[in-house]
C-alpha cells in the first residue's frame, strides 16, 4: 500500500523550493535597481542630503575634560 504525502507537507516543500528563493531573488533585484538608479540621477541629486549645522548658542555647555578628570599626584 502506497502512502500519499500529506498535502501540507507538499505545499510547504513547494514553498521552500520555489516560492521562497524566488521571493529572495526579487527582493535582491529591487534593492539592486534602487541602488543602481543613482547612476542616472543628475550629479547634484546623487550626493547625500546636506546636514544643517545646529546653532551652538542653543547647545548646553559641556565642561572640559580636564575639569572632570582628577589625576593622582605624581610620586
PDB file of N, CA and C in Angstrom:
ATOM      1  N   UNK A   1       0.837  -1.175   0.000  1.00  0.00           N
ATOM      2  CA  UNK A   1       0.000   0.000   0.000  1.00  0.00           C
ATOM      3  C   UNK A   1       0.887   1.245   0.000  1.00  0.00           C
ATOM      4  N   UNK A   2       0.629   2.119  -0.929  1.00  0.00           N
ATOM      5  CA  UNK A   2       1.433   3.331  -1.072  1.00  0.00           C
ATOM      6  C   UNK A   2       0.857   4.448  -0.214  1.00  0.00           C
ATOM      7  N   UNK A   3       1.751   5.134   0.489  1.00  0.00           N
ATOM      8  CA  UNK A   3       1.314   6.242   1.345  1.00  0.00           C
ATOM      9  C   UNK A   3       1.485   7.537   0.568  1.00  0.00           C
ATOM     10  N   UNK A   4       0.406   8.291   0.433  1.00  0.00           N
ATOM     11  CA  UNK A   4       0.465   9.571  -0.265  1.00  0.00           C
ATOM     12  C   UNK A   4       1.008  10.642   0.670  1.00  0.00           C
ATOM     13  N   UNK A   5       1.822  11.550   0.180  1.00  0.00           N
ATOM     14  CA  UNK A   5       2.348  12.607   1.048  1.00  0.00           C
ATOM     15  C   UNK A   5       1.226  13.528   1.518  1.00  0.00           C
ATOM     16  N   UNK A   6       1.414  14.039   2.692  1.00  0.00           N
ATOM     17  CA  UNK A   6       0.440  14.950   3.268  1.00  0.00           C
ATOM     18  C   UNK A   6       0.390  16.220   2.416  1.00  0.00           C
ATOM     19  N   UNK A   7      -0.799  16.786   2.254  1.00  0.00           N
ATOM     20  CA  UNK A   7      -0.964  17.981   1.429  1.00  0.00           C
ATOM     21  C   UNK A   7      -0.196  19.162   2.009  1.00  0.00           C
ATOM     22  N   UNK A   8      -0.200  19.299   3.337  1.00  0.00           N
ATOM     23  CA  UNK A   8       0.515  20.409   3.970  1.00  0.00           C
ATOM     24  C   UNK A   8       2.021  20.277   3.760  1.00  0.00           C
ATOM     25  N   UNK A   9       2.543  19.060   3.842  1.00  0.00           N
ATOM     26  CA  UNK A   9       3.978  18.851   3.650  1.00  0.00           C
ATOM     27  C   UNK A   9       4.388  19.161   2.217  1.00  0.00           C
ATOM     28  N   UNK A  10       3.581  18.743   1.250  1.00  0.00           N
ATOM     29  CA  UNK A  10       3.933  19.005  -0.146  1.00  0.00           C
ATOM     30  C   UNK A  10       3.806  20.490  -0.476  1.00  0.00           C
ATOM     31  N   UNK A  11       2.827  21.158   0.138  1.00  0.00           N
ATOM     32  CA  UNK A  11       2.682  22.596  -0.072  1.00  0.00           C
ATOM     33  C   UNK A  11       3.865  23.340   0.521  1.00  0.00           C
ATOM     34  N   UNK A  12       4.285  22.938   1.710  1.00  0.00           N
ATOM     35  CA  UNK A  12       5.423  23.592   2.355  1.00  0.00           C
ATOM     36  C   UNK A  12       6.706  23.321   1.578  1.00  0.00           C
ATOM     37  N   UNK A  13       6.864  22.114   1.063  1.00  0.00           N
ATOM     38  CA  UNK A  13       8.045  21.796   0.266  1.00  0.00           C
ATOM     39  C   UNK A  13       8.071  22.638  -1.014  1.00  0.00           C
ATOM     40  N   UNK A  14       6.920  22.807  -1.649  1.00  0.00           N
ATOM     41  CA  UNK A  14       6.839  23.646  -2.851  1.00  0.00           C
ATOM     42  C   UNK A  14       7.217  25.086  -2.515  1.00  0.00           C
ATOM     43  N   UNK A  15       6.732  25.580  -1.386  1.00  0.00           N
ATOM     44  CA  UNK A  15       7.054  26.950  -0.967  1.00  0.00           C
ATOM     45  C   UNK A  15       8.550  27.101  -0.714  1.00  0.00           C
ATOM     46  N   UNK A  16       9.135  26.133  -0.021  1.00  0.00           N
ATOM     47  CA  UNK A  16      10.568  26.211   0.304  1.00  0.00           C
ATOM     48  C   UNK A  16      11.451  26.090  -0.930  1.00  0.00           C
ATOM     49  N   UNK A  17      11.026  25.296  -1.895  1.00  0.00           N
ATOM     50  CA  UNK A  17      11.871  25.051  -3.062  1.00  0.00           C
ATOM     51  C   UNK A  17      11.714  26.099  -4.154  1.00  0.00           C
ATOM     52  N   UNK A  18      10.535  26.686  -4.287  1.00  0.00           N
ATOM     53  CA  UNK A  18      10.292  27.576  -5.413  1.00  0.00           C
ATOM     54  C   UNK A  18       9.932  29.002  -5.002  1.00  0.00           C
ATOM     55  N   UNK A  19       8.983  29.157  -4.109  1.00  0.00           N
ATOM     56  CA  UNK A  19       8.464  30.488  -3.792  1.00  0.00           C
ATOM     57  C   UNK A  19       9.456  31.294  -2.959  1.00  0.00           C
ATOM     58  N   UNK A  20      10.003  30.735  -1.887  1.00  0.00           N
ATOM     59  CA  UNK A  20      10.919  31.471  -1.011  1.00  0.00           C
ATOM     60  C   UNK A  20      12.182  31.917  -1.752  1.00  0.00           C
ATOM     61  N   UNK A  21      12.851  31.054  -2.516  1.00  0.00           N
ATOM     62  CA  UNK A  21      14.023  31.543  -3.261  1.00  0.00           C
ATOM     63  C   UNK A  21      13.668  32.619  -4.288  1.00  0.00           C
ATOM     64  N   UNK A  22      12.528  32.461  -4.955  1.00  0.00           N
ATOM     65  CA  UNK A  22      12.096  33.474  -5.913  1.00  0.00           C
ATOM     66  C   UNK A  22      11.843  34.801  -5.212  1.00  0.00           C
ATOM     67  N   UNK A  23      11.226  34.753  -4.051  1.00  0.00           N
ATOM     68  CA  UNK A  23      10.949  35.958  -3.268  1.00  0.00           C
ATOM     69  C   UNK A  23      12.253  36.651  -2.870  1.00  0.00           C
ATOM     70  N   UNK A  24      13.239  35.887  -2.453  1.00  0.00           N
ATOM     71  CA  UNK A  24      14.538  36.454  -2.053  1.00  0.00           C
ATOM     72  C   UNK A  24      15.235  37.092  -3.255  1.00  0.00           C
ATOM     73  N   UNK A  25      15.191  36.438  -4.402  1.00  0.00           N
ATOM     74  CA  UNK A  25      15.824  36.985  -5.604  1.00  0.00           C
ATOM     75  C   UNK A  25      15.123  38.265  -6.045  1.00  0.00           C
ATOM     76  N   UNK A  26      13.802  38.307  -5.956  1.00  0.00           N
ATOM     77  CA  UNK A  26      13.059  39.516  -6.338  1.00  0.00           C
ATOM     78  C   UNK A  26      13.418  40.675  -5.414  1.00  0.00           C
ATOM     79  N   UNK A  27      13.505  40.426  -4.108  1.00  0.00           N
ATOM     80  CA  UNK A  27      13.895  41.481  -3.168  1.00  0.00           C
ATOM     81  C   UNK A  27      15.303  41.980  -3.494  1.00  0.00           C
ATOM     82  N   UNK A  28      16.230  41.075  -3.783  1.00  0.00           N
ATOM     83  CA  UNK A  28      17.589  41.466  -4.140  1.00  0.00           C
ATOM     84  C   UNK A  28      17.598  42.325  -5.401  1.00  0.00           C
ATOM     85  N   UNK A  29      16.832  41.941  -6.408  1.00  0.00           N
ATOM     86  CA  UNK A  29      16.819  42.698  -7.659  1.00  0.00           C
ATOM     87  C   UNK A  29      16.214  44.084  -7.474  1.00  0.00           C
ATOM     88  N   UNK A  30      15.187  44.201  -6.645  1.00  0.00           N
ATOM     89  CA  UNK A  30      14.598  45.519  -6.369  1.00  0.00           C
ATOM     90  C   UNK A  30      15.612  46.406  -5.658  1.00  0.00           C
ATOM     91  N   UNK A  31      16.333  45.846  -4.685  1.00  0.00           N
ATOM     92  CA  UNK A  31      17.357  46.625  -3.981  1.00  0.00           C
ATOM     93  C   UNK A  31      18.481  47.022  -4.933  1.00  0.00           C
ATOM     94  N   UNK A  32      18.886  46.119  -5.802  1.00  0.00           N
ATOM     95  CA  UNK A  32      19.934  46.430  -6.775  1.00  0.00           C
ATOM     96  C   UNK A  32      19.484  47.529  -7.729  1.00  0.00           C
ATOM     97  N   UNK A  33      18.244  47.487  -8.151  1.00  0.00           N
ATOM     98  CA  UNK A  33      17.704  48.516  -9.036  1.00  0.00           C
ATOM     99  C   UNK A  33      17.666  49.871  -8.334  1.00  0.00           C
ATOM    100  N   UNK A  34      17.265  49.885  -7.067  1.00  0.00           N
ATOM    101  CA  UNK A  34      17.194  51.145  -6.325  1.00  0.00           C
ATOM    102  C   UNK A  34      18.576  51.758  -6.150  1.00  0.00           C
ATOM    103  N   UNK A  35      19.572  50.932  -5.871  1.00  0.00           N
ATOM    104  CA  UNK A  35      20.933  51.446  -5.690  1.00  0.00           C
ATOM    105  C   UNK A  35      21.523  51.871  -7.032  1.00  0.00           C
ATOM    106  N   UNK A  36      21.242  51.131  -8.077  1.00  0.00           N
ATOM    107  CA  UNK A  36      21.796  51.446  -9.392  1.00  0.00           C
ATOM    108  C   UNK A  36      21.141  52.671 -10.019  1.00  0.00           C
ATOM    109  N   UNK A  37      19.978  53.050  -9.565  1.00  0.00           N
ATOM    110  CA  UNK A  37      19.287  54.210 -10.134  1.00  0.00           C
ATOM    111  C   UNK A  37      20.052  55.497  -9.879  1.00  0.00           C
ATOM    112  N   UNK A  38      20.950  55.505  -8.904  1.00  0.00           N
ATOM    113  CA  UNK A  38      21.741  56.707  -8.618  1.00  0.00           C
ATOM    114  C   UNK A  38      22.628  57.091  -9.796  1.00  0.00           C
ATOM    115  N   UNK A  39      22.974  56.144 -10.636  1.00  0.00           N
ATOM    116  CA  UNK A  39      23.815  56.435 -11.801  1.00  0.00           C
ATOM    117  C   UNK A  39      23.109  57.416 -12.732  1.00  0.00           C
ATOM    118  N   UNK A  40      21.800  57.306 -12.843  1.00  0.00           N
ATOM    119  CA  UNK A  40      21.049  58.101 -13.802  1.00  0.00           C
ATOM    120  C   UNK A  40      20.544  59.414 -13.220  1.00  0.00           C
ATOM    121  N   UNK A  41      20.793  59.670 -11.942  1.00  0.00           N
ATOM    122  CA  UNK A  41      20.378  60.932 -11.342  1.00  0.00           C
ATOM    123  C   UNK A  41      21.343  62.037 -11.754  1.00  0.00           C
ATOM    124  N   UNK A  42      20.860  63.282 -11.792  1.00  0.00           N
ATOM    125  CA  UNK A  42      21.799  64.386 -12.018  1.00  0.00           C
ATOM    126  C   UNK A  42      22.846  64.414 -10.907  1.00  0.00           C
ATOM    127  N   UNK A  43      23.990  64.988 -11.205  1.00  0.00           N
ATOM    128  CA  UNK A  43      25.115  64.963 -10.272  1.00  0.00           C
ATOM    129  C   UNK A  43      24.762  65.568  -8.926  1.00  0.00           C
ATOM    130  N   UNK A  44      24.013  66.666  -8.923  1.00  0.00           N
ATOM    131  CA  UNK A  44      23.707  67.311  -7.652  1.00  0.00           C
ATOM    132  C   UNK A  44      22.708  66.515  -6.823  1.00  0.00           C
ATOM    133  N   UNK A  45      21.938  65.639  -7.444  1.00  0.00           N
ATOM    134  CA  UNK A  45      20.970  64.849  -6.682  1.00  0.00           C
ATOM    135  C   UNK A  45      21.561  63.533  -6.189  1.00  0.00           C
ATOM    136  N   UNK A  46      22.684  63.116  -6.748  1.00  0.00           N
ATOM    137  CA  UNK A  46      23.280  61.842  -6.369  1.00  0.00           C
ATOM    138  C   UNK A  46      24.063  61.933  -5.074  1.00  0.00           C
ATOM    139  N   UNK A  47      24.310  63.148  -4.596  1.00  0.00           N
ATOM    140  CA  UNK A  47      25.065  63.329  -3.363  1.00  0.00           C
ATOM    141  C   UNK A  47      24.139  63.192  -2.165  1.00  0.00           C
ATOM    142  N   UNK A  48      24.700  62.906  -0.997  1.00  0.00           N
ATOM    143  CA  UNK A  48      23.873  62.841   0.214  1.00  0.00           C
ATOM    144  C   UNK A  48      23.242  64.195   0.516  1.00  0.00           C
ATOM    145  N   UNK A  49      22.149  64.167   1.206  1.00  0.00           N
ATOM    146  CA  UNK A  49      21.461  65.406   1.569  1.00  0.00           C
ATOM    147  C   UNK A  49      22.325  66.219   2.523  1.00  0.00           C
ATOM    148  N   UNK A  50      22.280  67.545   2.415  1.00  0.00           N
ATOM    149  CA  UNK A  50      23.077  68.365   3.333  1.00  0.00           C
ATOM    150  C   UNK A  50      22.536  68.278   4.753  1.00  0.00           C
ATOM    151  N   UNK A  51      23.445  68.374   5.698  1.00  0.00           N
ATOM    152  CA  UNK A  51      23.072  68.330   7.109  1.00  0.00           C
ATOM    153  C   UNK A  51      23.118  69.748   7.643  1.00  0.00           C
ATOM    154  N   UNK A  52      22.043  70.165   8.302  1.00  0.00           N
ATOM    155  CA  UNK A  52      22.016  71.512   8.863  1.00  0.00           C
ATOM    156  C   UNK A  52      22.896  71.573  10.099  1.00  0.00           C
ATOM    157  N   UNK A  53      23.648  72.662  10.220  1.00  0.00           N
ATOM    158  CA  UNK A  53      24.503  72.856  11.385  1.00  0.00           C
ATOM    159  C   UNK A  53      23.670  73.526  12.473  1.00  0.00           C
ATOM    160  N   UNK A  54      23.661  72.908  13.653  1.00  0.00           N
ATOM    161  CA  UNK A  54      22.887  73.463  14.753  1.00  0.00           C
ATOM    162  C   UNK A  54      23.581  74.690  15.310  1.00  0.00           C
ATOM    163  N   UNK A  55      22.781  75.618  15.790  1.00  0.00           N
ATOM    164  CA  UNK A  55      23.322  76.827  16.400  1.00  0.00           C
ATOM    165  C   UNK A  55      23.965  76.455  17.729  1.00  0.00           C
ATOM    166  N   UNK A  56      25.240  76.820  17.907  1.00  0.00           N
ATOM    167  CA  UNK A  56      25.953  76.434  19.129  1.00  0.00           C
ATOM    168  C   UNK A  56      25.453  77.191  20.342  1.00  0.00           C
ATOM    169  N   UNK A  57      24.756  78.304  20.156  1.00  0.00           N
ATOM    170  CA  UNK A  57      24.245  79.055  21.299  1.00  0.00           C
ATOM    171  C   UNK A  57      23.127  78.291  21.998  1.00  0.00           C
ATOM    172  N   UNK A  58      22.446  77.426  21.285  1.00  0.00           N
ATOM    173  CA  UNK A  58      21.346  76.673  21.875  1.00  0.00           C
ATOM    174  C   UNK A  58      21.820  75.412  22.582  1.00  0.00           C
ATOM    175  N   UNK A  59      23.043  74.980  22.304  1.00  0.00           N
ATOM    176  CA  UNK A  59      23.543  73.759  22.913  1.00  0.00           C
ATOM    177  C   UNK A  59      23.972  74.021  24.348  1.00  0.00           C
ATOM    178  N   UNK A  60      23.743  73.089  25.255  1.00  0.00           N
ATOM    179  CA  UNK A  60      24.204  73.273  26.634  1.00  0.00           C
ATOM    180  C   UNK A  60      25.731  73.226  26.687  1.00  0.00           C
ATOM    181  N   UNK A  61      26.285  73.968  27.616  1.00  0.00           N
ATOM    182  CA  UNK A  61      27.741  73.979  27.743  1.00  0.00           C
ATOM    183  C   UNK A  61      28.193  72.713  28.445  1.00  0.00           C
ATOM    184  N   UNK A  62      29.232  72.101  27.911  1.00  0.00           N
ATOM    185  CA  UNK A  62      29.773  70.864  28.466  1.00  0.00           C
ATOM    186  C   UNK A  62      31.117  71.203  29.096  1.00  0.00           C
ATOM    187  N   UNK A  63      31.323  70.832  30.353  1.00  0.00           N
ATOM    188  CA  UNK A  63      32.605  71.157  30.984  1.00  0.00           C
ATOM    189  C   UNK A  63      33.757  70.446  30.278  1.00  0.00           C
ATOM    190  N   UNK A  64      34.902  71.063  30.325  1.00  0.00           N
ATOM    191  CA  UNK A  64      36.081  70.498  29.680  1.00  0.00           C
ATOM    192  C   UNK A  64      36.476  69.202  30.369  1.00  0.00           C
ATOM    193  N   UNK A  65      37.114  68.335  29.624  1.00  0.00           N
ATOM    194  CA  UNK A  65      37.518  67.037  30.149  1.00  0.00           C
ATOM    195  C   UNK A  65      38.518  67.195  31.286  1.00  0.00           C
ATOM    196  N   UNK A  66      39.381  68.189  31.194  1.00  0.00           N
ATOM    197  CA  UNK A  66      40.396  68.382  32.235  1.00  0.00           C
ATOM    198  C   UNK A  66      39.758  68.681  33.586  1.00  0.00           C
ATOM    199  N   UNK A  67      38.635  69.370  33.597  1.00  0.00           N
ATOM    200  CA  UNK A  67      37.996  69.678  34.874  1.00  0.00           C
ATOM    201  C   UNK A  67      37.253  68.473  35.442  1.00  0.00           C
ATOM    202  N   UNK A  68      36.964  67.479  34.608  1.00  0.00           N
ATOM    203  CA  UNK A  68      36.253  66.294  35.081  1.00  0.00           C
ATOM    204  C   UNK A  68      37.199  65.209  35.579  1.00  0.00           C
ATOM    205  N   UNK A  69      38.415  65.209  35.086  1.00  0.00           N
ATOM    206  CA  UNK A  69      39.366  64.163  35.438  1.00  0.00           C
ATOM    207  C   UNK A  69      40.256  64.661  36.571  1.00  0.00           C
ATOM    208  N   UNK A  70      40.276  63.910  37.647  1.00  0.00           N
ATOM    209  CA  UNK A  70      41.151  64.243  38.774  1.00  0.00           C
ATOM    210  C   UNK A  70      42.308  63.262  38.721  1.00  0.00           C
ATOM    211  N   UNK A  71      43.510  63.777  38.516  1.00  0.00           N
ATOM    212  CA  UNK A  71      44.659  62.891  38.376  1.00  0.00           C
ATOM    213  C   UNK A  71      45.292  62.622  39.730  1.00  0.00           C
ATOM    214  N   UNK A  72      45.953  61.483  39.827  1.00  0.00           N
ATOM    215  CA  UNK A  72      46.659  61.115  41.057  1.00  0.00           C
ATOM    216  C   UNK A  72      47.931  61.943  41.158  1.00  0.00           C
ATOM    217  N   UNK A  73      48.343  62.277  42.360  1.00  0.00           N
ATOM    218  CA  UNK A  73      49.579  63.056  42.497  1.00  0.00           C
ATOM    219  C   UNK A  73      50.767  62.245  41.998  1.00  0.00           C
ATOM    220  N   UNK A  74      51.701  62.934  41.413  1.00  0.00           N
ATOM    221  CA  UNK A  74      52.885  62.268  40.887  1.00  0.00           C
ATOM    222  C   UNK A  74      53.817  61.915  42.025  1.00  0.00           C
ATOM    223  N   UNK A  75      54.317  60.699  42.024  1.00  0.00           N
ATOM    224  CA  UNK A  75      55.212  60.235  43.089  1.00  0.00           C
ATOM    225  C   UNK A  75      56.643  60.326  42.685  1.00  0.00           C
TER     226      UNK A  75
END
